[in-house]
Amino acid sequence: MDKPVPDLISTFTFNNGVTMPPLGFGVFQTPPDETIAAVGTALTTGYRLIDTAAAYGNEREAGEAIRRSGLDRSDVFIETKVWISDYGYDTTLHAFDKSAGKFGVDQIDLLLLHQALPTRFDLTIEAYRALQTLLADGKVRAIGVSNFMPAHLEQLLQATTVVPAVNQIEIHPYFHQPAVLTANAEHQILSQAWSPIGGITSYREGAGGRTFDDPTIAAIAHNHAKTPAQVMLRWHLQQGRSAIPKSTKPARIAENFDVFDFDLTQAELDAIDALDQGVRRGPEPDTITLETFSLAIPEA
C-alpha cells in the first residue's frame, strides 16, 4: 500500500489573524541583477511568500519579478524589513514609503524591524510605534521584528501595544536558539528561520562544520529519498516554524519547495534537535550599533 500523503502545511496564522504561506523565498545577498530571475523562478515554482529587506538592496527587483509573474498582487505575500539607519518614528514611516515605492505597491503584507538597537533602544521603540501606526492605517497587514532576543522582546512589549506577529531569527540544525523560540511561543509570536538549511555554515564554516555534510541529516534524507536541504526544511515546518530558504539556481529553488509530500518521525525530529551546537554564525544581536552597522537606504 502506498504511504498516505501527509496533510499539507498550507498556511500559518499570525496572532492578528493574518495568514502567511509557511515556506518563503529569501533573497539575502542576491545581487539586484539576479533577483528578478530568481524571484520569477520561485513564483513559477509555487512560492507565494517573498522575503527581502531594505538593506539587501533588491526590493525594486523583487517587485519587478512579482509584476512580471502575472500573479494577482493578493496572491503574493511580501515581507520586508526596515534597517536600523531608518529607526525613529518619522524616519521609519518614511522607510515604509521607500520600500513600498521600490516594490511598486500600496500595502506591504509583513514589515519587520531588521535588528534591535540595544544602545539606542529608544529609537527601536519609536520605529516599532511607527509600524503600529502603519498597521492601524492599513498600509501593512502585519508587523514584527527580526533578530530580537528575549530581553529585546520584553523591552519592546513593555513599551508598545501590538505584539509582533513574527520574529525572524537564525535557526538551523546547528543553532536552534531555544530561549528565543520559547519567548516567541509564550507571546504567540511566529518564529521564522533565516538560513534555515544552514547555508551560513557553508560560508562561515568555523569549527562546527556544514549542516549539508552532517551524517545524521544525510541518513534521514536517505530514508525518505529526499535531500538534506529538504529534510531540514521539513524539520522547521513540522515544528511550527516558517522558513525562507534562498538560492539563485532553478534546480535548488525547486528542490527547496518540494517538502510537502513526506513526514519526519518524532525520532528523526529529535535526532535533528540533538545536533544543536549553540554557536551563532550570524552577527551577535547585542553588538548591533549605528556606529558599526549604519547603512544609507536610498529613496524609492
Protein backbone atom coordinates (compact mmCIF):
# COMPACT_ATOMS: atom_id res chain seq x y z
CA MET A 1 0.00 0.00 0.00
CA ASP A 2 1.28 3.47 -0.86
CA LYS A 3 2.21 5.66 2.05
CA PRO A 4 -0.53 8.28 2.55
CA VAL A 5 0.47 11.82 1.71
CA PRO A 6 0.54 13.88 4.92
CA ASP A 7 -1.69 16.92 5.31
CA LEU A 8 -0.18 19.96 3.67
CA ILE A 9 1.05 22.71 5.95
CA SER A 10 -0.74 25.28 3.84
CA THR A 11 -0.66 28.42 5.98
CA PHE A 12 0.48 29.86 9.29
CA THR A 13 -1.90 32.19 11.09
CA PHE A 14 -0.48 35.19 12.94
CA ASN A 15 -1.64 36.42 16.32
CA ASN A 16 -3.72 39.08 14.49
CA GLY A 17 -5.46 36.54 12.23
CA VAL A 18 -3.49 37.27 9.05
CA THR A 19 -2.30 34.13 7.25
CA MET A 20 1.04 33.57 5.51
CA PRO A 21 2.48 30.72 3.44
CA PRO A 22 4.79 28.63 5.65
CA LEU A 23 7.63 28.41 3.16
CA GLY A 24 9.04 31.54 1.63
CA PHE A 25 11.75 32.54 -0.79
CA GLY A 26 14.59 34.72 0.50
CA VAL A 27 16.92 37.00 -1.46
CA PHE A 28 19.58 37.91 1.12
CA GLN A 29 22.86 38.60 -0.71
CA THR A 30 21.21 38.03 -4.09
CA PRO A 31 22.59 40.72 -6.43
CA PRO A 32 19.91 43.03 -7.86
CA ASP A 33 20.70 41.89 -11.41
CA GLU A 34 19.96 38.27 -10.42
CA THR A 35 16.95 38.95 -8.23
CA ILE A 36 14.32 39.31 -10.97
CA ALA A 37 15.17 35.91 -12.45
CA ALA A 38 15.46 34.19 -9.06
CA VAL A 39 12.16 35.53 -7.72
CA GLY A 40 10.48 34.84 -11.04
CA THR A 41 11.64 31.22 -10.91
CA ALA A 42 10.43 30.93 -7.31
CA LEU A 43 6.98 32.24 -8.19
CA THR A 44 6.73 29.89 -11.16
CA THR A 45 7.76 27.01 -8.87
CA GLY A 46 4.94 27.82 -6.46
CA TYR A 47 6.39 30.06 -3.75
CA ARG A 48 3.97 32.79 -2.71
CA LEU A 49 5.99 34.39 0.11
CA ILE A 50 8.89 36.63 -0.91
CA ASP A 51 11.21 37.87 1.84
CA THR A 52 13.66 40.70 1.40
CA ALA A 53 14.84 43.82 3.26
CA ALA A 54 15.69 47.43 2.60
CA ALA A 55 19.31 46.64 3.48
CA TYR A 56 19.51 43.92 0.81
CA GLY A 57 19.24 46.50 -1.99
CA ASN A 58 16.93 44.38 -4.14
CA GLU A 59 13.37 45.34 -3.17
CA ARG A 60 12.82 47.04 -6.54
CA GLU A 61 13.87 43.94 -8.45
CA ALA A 62 11.73 41.66 -6.28
CA GLY A 63 8.76 43.88 -7.01
CA GLU A 64 9.50 43.80 -10.73
CA ALA A 65 9.59 39.99 -10.67
CA ILE A 66 6.21 39.92 -8.96
CA ARG A 67 4.74 42.23 -11.61
CA ARG A 68 6.21 40.15 -14.44
CA SER A 69 4.81 36.94 -12.95
CA GLY A 70 1.27 37.86 -13.91
CA LEU A 71 0.03 36.82 -10.47
CA ASP A 72 -2.53 38.96 -8.71
CA ARG A 73 -0.99 41.15 -6.04
CA SER A 74 -3.21 39.45 -3.45
CA ASP A 75 -1.68 36.08 -4.32
CA VAL A 76 1.87 37.08 -3.31
CA PHE A 77 2.83 37.76 0.31
CA ILE A 78 5.50 40.49 0.50
CA GLU A 79 7.75 40.62 3.56
CA THR A 80 10.49 43.19 4.04
CA LYS A 81 12.45 44.88 6.83
CA VAL A 82 13.39 48.37 7.99
CA TRP A 83 17.12 48.87 8.53
CA ILE A 84 18.45 50.45 11.75
CA SER A 85 19.56 53.62 9.94
CA ASP A 86 15.86 54.39 9.42
CA TYR A 87 14.77 53.91 13.04
CA GLY A 88 12.80 56.67 14.75
CA TYR A 89 9.09 57.40 14.38
CA ASP A 90 9.01 59.73 11.36
CA THR A 91 12.07 58.14 9.74
CA THR A 92 10.50 54.69 9.95
CA LEU A 93 7.23 55.96 8.46
CA HIS A 94 9.31 57.23 5.55
CA ALA A 95 11.16 53.91 5.38
CA PHE A 96 7.81 52.30 4.55
CA ASP A 97 7.35 54.80 1.72
CA LYS A 98 10.80 53.91 0.36
CA SER A 99 10.17 50.17 0.45
CA ALA A 100 6.61 50.36 -0.89
CA GLY A 101 7.77 52.66 -3.66
CA LYS A 102 10.51 50.27 -4.73
CA PHE A 103 8.07 47.36 -4.71
CA GLY A 104 5.50 49.45 -6.55
CA VAL A 105 2.74 48.58 -4.07
CA ASP A 106 0.44 50.46 -1.72
CA GLN A 107 0.46 47.82 1.02
CA ILE A 108 3.17 45.54 2.42
CA ASP A 109 1.99 42.29 3.96
CA LEU A 110 4.61 41.97 6.72
CA LEU A 111 7.03 44.70 7.79
CA LEU A 112 9.76 43.91 10.33
CA LEU A 113 12.38 45.82 12.27
CA HIS A 114 15.58 44.19 10.99
CA GLN A 115 17.51 44.32 14.26
CA ALA A 116 17.22 45.61 17.79
CA LEU A 117 19.42 48.59 18.63
CA PRO A 118 20.42 47.80 22.23
CA THR A 119 22.39 51.02 22.72
CA ARG A 120 19.56 53.14 21.28
CA PHE A 121 16.50 51.17 22.25
CA ASP A 122 14.55 54.43 22.34
CA LEU A 123 14.91 54.53 18.55
CA THR A 124 13.89 50.88 18.32
CA ILE A 125 10.70 51.63 20.28
CA GLU A 126 9.90 54.70 18.16
CA ALA A 127 10.45 52.66 14.99
CA TYR A 128 8.06 49.98 16.24
CA ARG A 129 5.48 52.62 17.16
CA ALA A 130 5.70 53.75 13.56
CA LEU A 131 4.98 50.19 12.47
CA GLN A 132 1.93 50.22 14.75
CA THR A 133 0.72 53.38 13.00
CA LEU A 134 1.26 51.82 9.58
CA LEU A 135 -0.72 48.78 10.75
CA ALA A 136 -3.58 50.91 12.07
CA ASP A 137 -3.65 52.86 8.79
CA GLY A 138 -3.84 49.66 6.73
CA LYS A 139 -0.53 50.26 4.98
CA VAL A 140 0.80 46.96 6.33
CA ARG A 141 -1.17 43.83 7.23
CA ALA A 142 1.16 42.63 10.00
CA ILE A 143 4.27 43.85 11.81
CA GLY A 144 7.13 42.12 13.54
CA VAL A 145 10.81 42.00 14.34
CA SER A 146 13.97 40.18 13.33
CA ASN A 147 16.95 39.04 15.40
CA PHE A 148 15.29 40.09 18.67
CA MET A 149 16.48 38.19 21.73
CA PRO A 150 14.17 37.56 24.74
CA ALA A 151 15.37 40.66 26.59
CA HIS A 152 14.75 42.80 23.49
CA LEU A 153 11.24 41.37 23.18
CA GLU A 154 10.43 42.11 26.80
CA GLN A 155 11.65 45.69 26.48
CA LEU A 156 9.60 46.18 23.34
CA LEU A 157 6.43 44.64 24.75
CA GLN A 158 6.60 46.83 27.84
CA ALA A 159 6.72 50.00 25.73
CA THR A 160 4.32 49.20 22.86
CA THR A 161 0.81 47.85 22.35
CA VAL A 162 0.93 45.42 19.40
CA VAL A 163 2.63 42.06 19.93
CA PRO A 164 4.89 41.25 16.95
CA ALA A 165 3.41 38.73 14.56
CA VAL A 166 6.84 37.32 13.63
CA ASN A 167 10.39 37.18 14.94
CA GLN A 168 12.77 36.18 12.14
CA ILE A 169 15.97 34.69 13.55
CA GLU A 170 18.90 32.46 12.66
CA ILE A 171 17.68 28.87 13.10
CA HIS A 172 19.13 25.74 11.53
CA PRO A 173 20.06 22.28 12.85
CA TYR A 174 23.35 23.57 14.29
CA PHE A 175 21.80 26.61 16.01
CA HIS A 176 18.30 26.46 17.48
CA GLN A 177 18.08 29.45 19.86
CA PRO A 178 15.71 27.60 22.24
CA ALA A 179 15.36 30.57 24.60
CA VAL A 180 14.16 32.77 21.73
CA LEU A 181 11.80 30.07 20.45
CA THR A 182 10.33 29.74 23.93
CA ALA A 183 9.90 33.50 24.31
CA ASN A 184 8.25 33.72 20.89
CA ALA A 185 5.85 30.90 21.75
CA GLU A 186 4.93 32.46 25.09
CA HIS A 187 3.78 35.60 23.28
CA GLN A 188 2.23 33.79 20.28
CA ILE A 189 4.91 35.21 18.00
CA LEU A 190 5.63 33.05 14.95
CA SER A 191 9.29 32.03 14.68
CA GLN A 192 10.68 32.37 11.18
CA ALA A 193 14.05 30.87 10.27
CA TRP A 194 16.63 32.68 8.22
CA SER A 195 19.44 30.45 6.94
CA PRO A 196 17.02 27.56 7.63
CA ILE A 197 19.16 24.92 5.96
CA GLY A 198 22.38 26.23 7.45
CA GLY A 199 23.68 27.99 4.38
CA ILE A 200 25.57 30.26 6.75
CA THR A 201 27.54 27.20 7.92
CA SER A 202 28.92 26.95 4.38
CA TYR A 203 30.26 30.49 4.06
CA ARG A 204 31.08 30.95 7.76
CA GLU A 205 32.19 27.43 8.49
CA GLY A 206 34.12 27.86 11.71
CA ALA A 207 34.82 24.70 13.71
CA GLY A 208 31.28 23.35 13.59
CA GLY A 209 31.22 22.07 10.02
CA ARG A 210 28.46 22.31 7.41
CA THR A 211 24.91 21.14 8.01
CA PHE A 212 24.81 19.73 4.48
CA ASP A 213 27.59 17.26 5.35
CA ASP A 214 26.04 16.10 8.62
CA PRO A 215 25.75 12.27 8.70
CA THR A 216 22.57 12.30 10.80
CA ILE A 217 20.79 14.57 8.34
CA ALA A 218 22.15 12.57 5.40
CA ALA A 219 20.85 9.30 6.87
CA ILE A 220 17.38 10.76 7.43
CA ALA A 221 17.39 12.13 3.88
CA HIS A 222 18.29 8.68 2.55
CA ASN A 223 15.40 7.12 4.50
CA HIS A 224 12.93 9.40 2.75
CA ALA A 225 14.60 9.58 -0.68
CA LYS A 226 14.99 13.31 -0.10
CA THR A 227 17.95 15.70 0.08
CA PRO A 228 19.46 17.08 3.29
CA ALA A 229 18.05 20.51 2.45
CA GLN A 230 14.54 19.08 2.10
CA VAL A 231 14.85 17.27 5.42
CA MET A 232 15.96 20.44 7.20
CA LEU A 233 13.08 22.45 5.75
CA ARG A 234 10.60 19.76 6.70
CA TRP A 235 12.03 19.81 10.24
CA HIS A 236 11.18 23.50 10.52
CA LEU A 237 7.66 23.14 9.14
CA GLN A 238 6.73 20.19 11.33
CA GLN A 239 7.89 22.12 14.39
CA GLY A 240 5.67 25.07 13.50
CA ARG A 241 8.29 27.45 12.10
CA SER A 242 8.25 29.41 8.89
CA ALA A 243 11.38 29.07 6.75
CA ILE A 244 12.80 31.22 3.96
CA PRO A 245 15.50 29.35 2.01
CA LYS A 246 17.37 31.21 -0.69
CA SER A 247 19.04 30.25 -3.95
CA THR A 248 19.57 31.60 -7.44
CA LYS A 249 19.74 28.14 -9.04
CA PRO A 250 16.44 26.95 -10.55
CA ALA A 251 17.06 23.32 -9.56
CA ARG A 252 17.74 24.28 -5.93
CA ILE A 253 14.74 26.61 -5.85
CA ALA A 254 12.52 23.74 -6.98
CA GLU A 255 14.17 21.25 -4.60
CA ASN A 256 13.61 23.51 -1.60
CA PHE A 257 9.90 23.78 -2.41
CA ASP A 258 9.39 20.02 -2.71
CA VAL A 259 8.89 19.37 1.00
CA PHE A 260 5.16 18.81 1.35
CA ASP A 261 4.90 15.11 0.49
CA PHE A 262 6.63 13.42 3.42
CA ASP A 263 6.73 13.47 7.22
CA LEU A 264 9.66 13.09 9.56
CA THR A 265 9.11 10.77 12.51
CA GLN A 266 9.37 12.07 16.05
CA ALA A 267 12.62 10.17 16.44
CA GLU A 268 14.01 11.90 13.34
CA LEU A 269 12.91 15.32 14.58
CA ASP A 270 14.58 14.58 17.93
CA ALA A 271 17.77 13.46 16.20
CA ILE A 272 17.98 16.77 14.32
CA ASP A 273 17.23 18.68 17.52
CA ALA A 274 20.19 16.92 19.14
CA LEU A 275 22.58 18.45 16.57
CA ASP A 276 22.39 21.92 18.12
CA GLN A 277 25.91 23.30 18.73
CA GLY A 278 24.76 26.53 20.31
CA VAL A 279 27.11 28.52 18.07
CA ARG A 280 25.79 31.60 16.32
CA ARG A 281 27.17 32.16 12.82
CA GLY A 282 25.44 35.48 12.15
CA PRO A 283 26.08 38.81 13.90
CA GLU A 284 25.65 38.90 17.66
CA PRO A 285 22.42 40.91 18.20
CA ASP A 286 23.79 42.80 21.20
CA THR A 287 26.69 44.17 19.12
CA ILE A 288 24.47 45.95 16.58
CA THR A 289 25.08 49.70 16.78
CA LEU A 290 24.53 52.65 14.46
CA GLU A 291 28.26 53.35 14.58
CA THR A 292 29.23 49.94 13.22
CA PHE A 293 26.24 48.92 11.08
CA SER A 294 24.80 52.16 9.69
CA LEU A 295 23.77 51.93 6.04
CA ALA A 296 22.09 54.66 4.00
CA ILE A 297 18.91 53.32 2.38
CA PRO A 298 18.21 55.02 -0.98
CA GLU A 299 14.92 56.67 -1.79
CA ALA A 300 12.39 54.84 -3.95
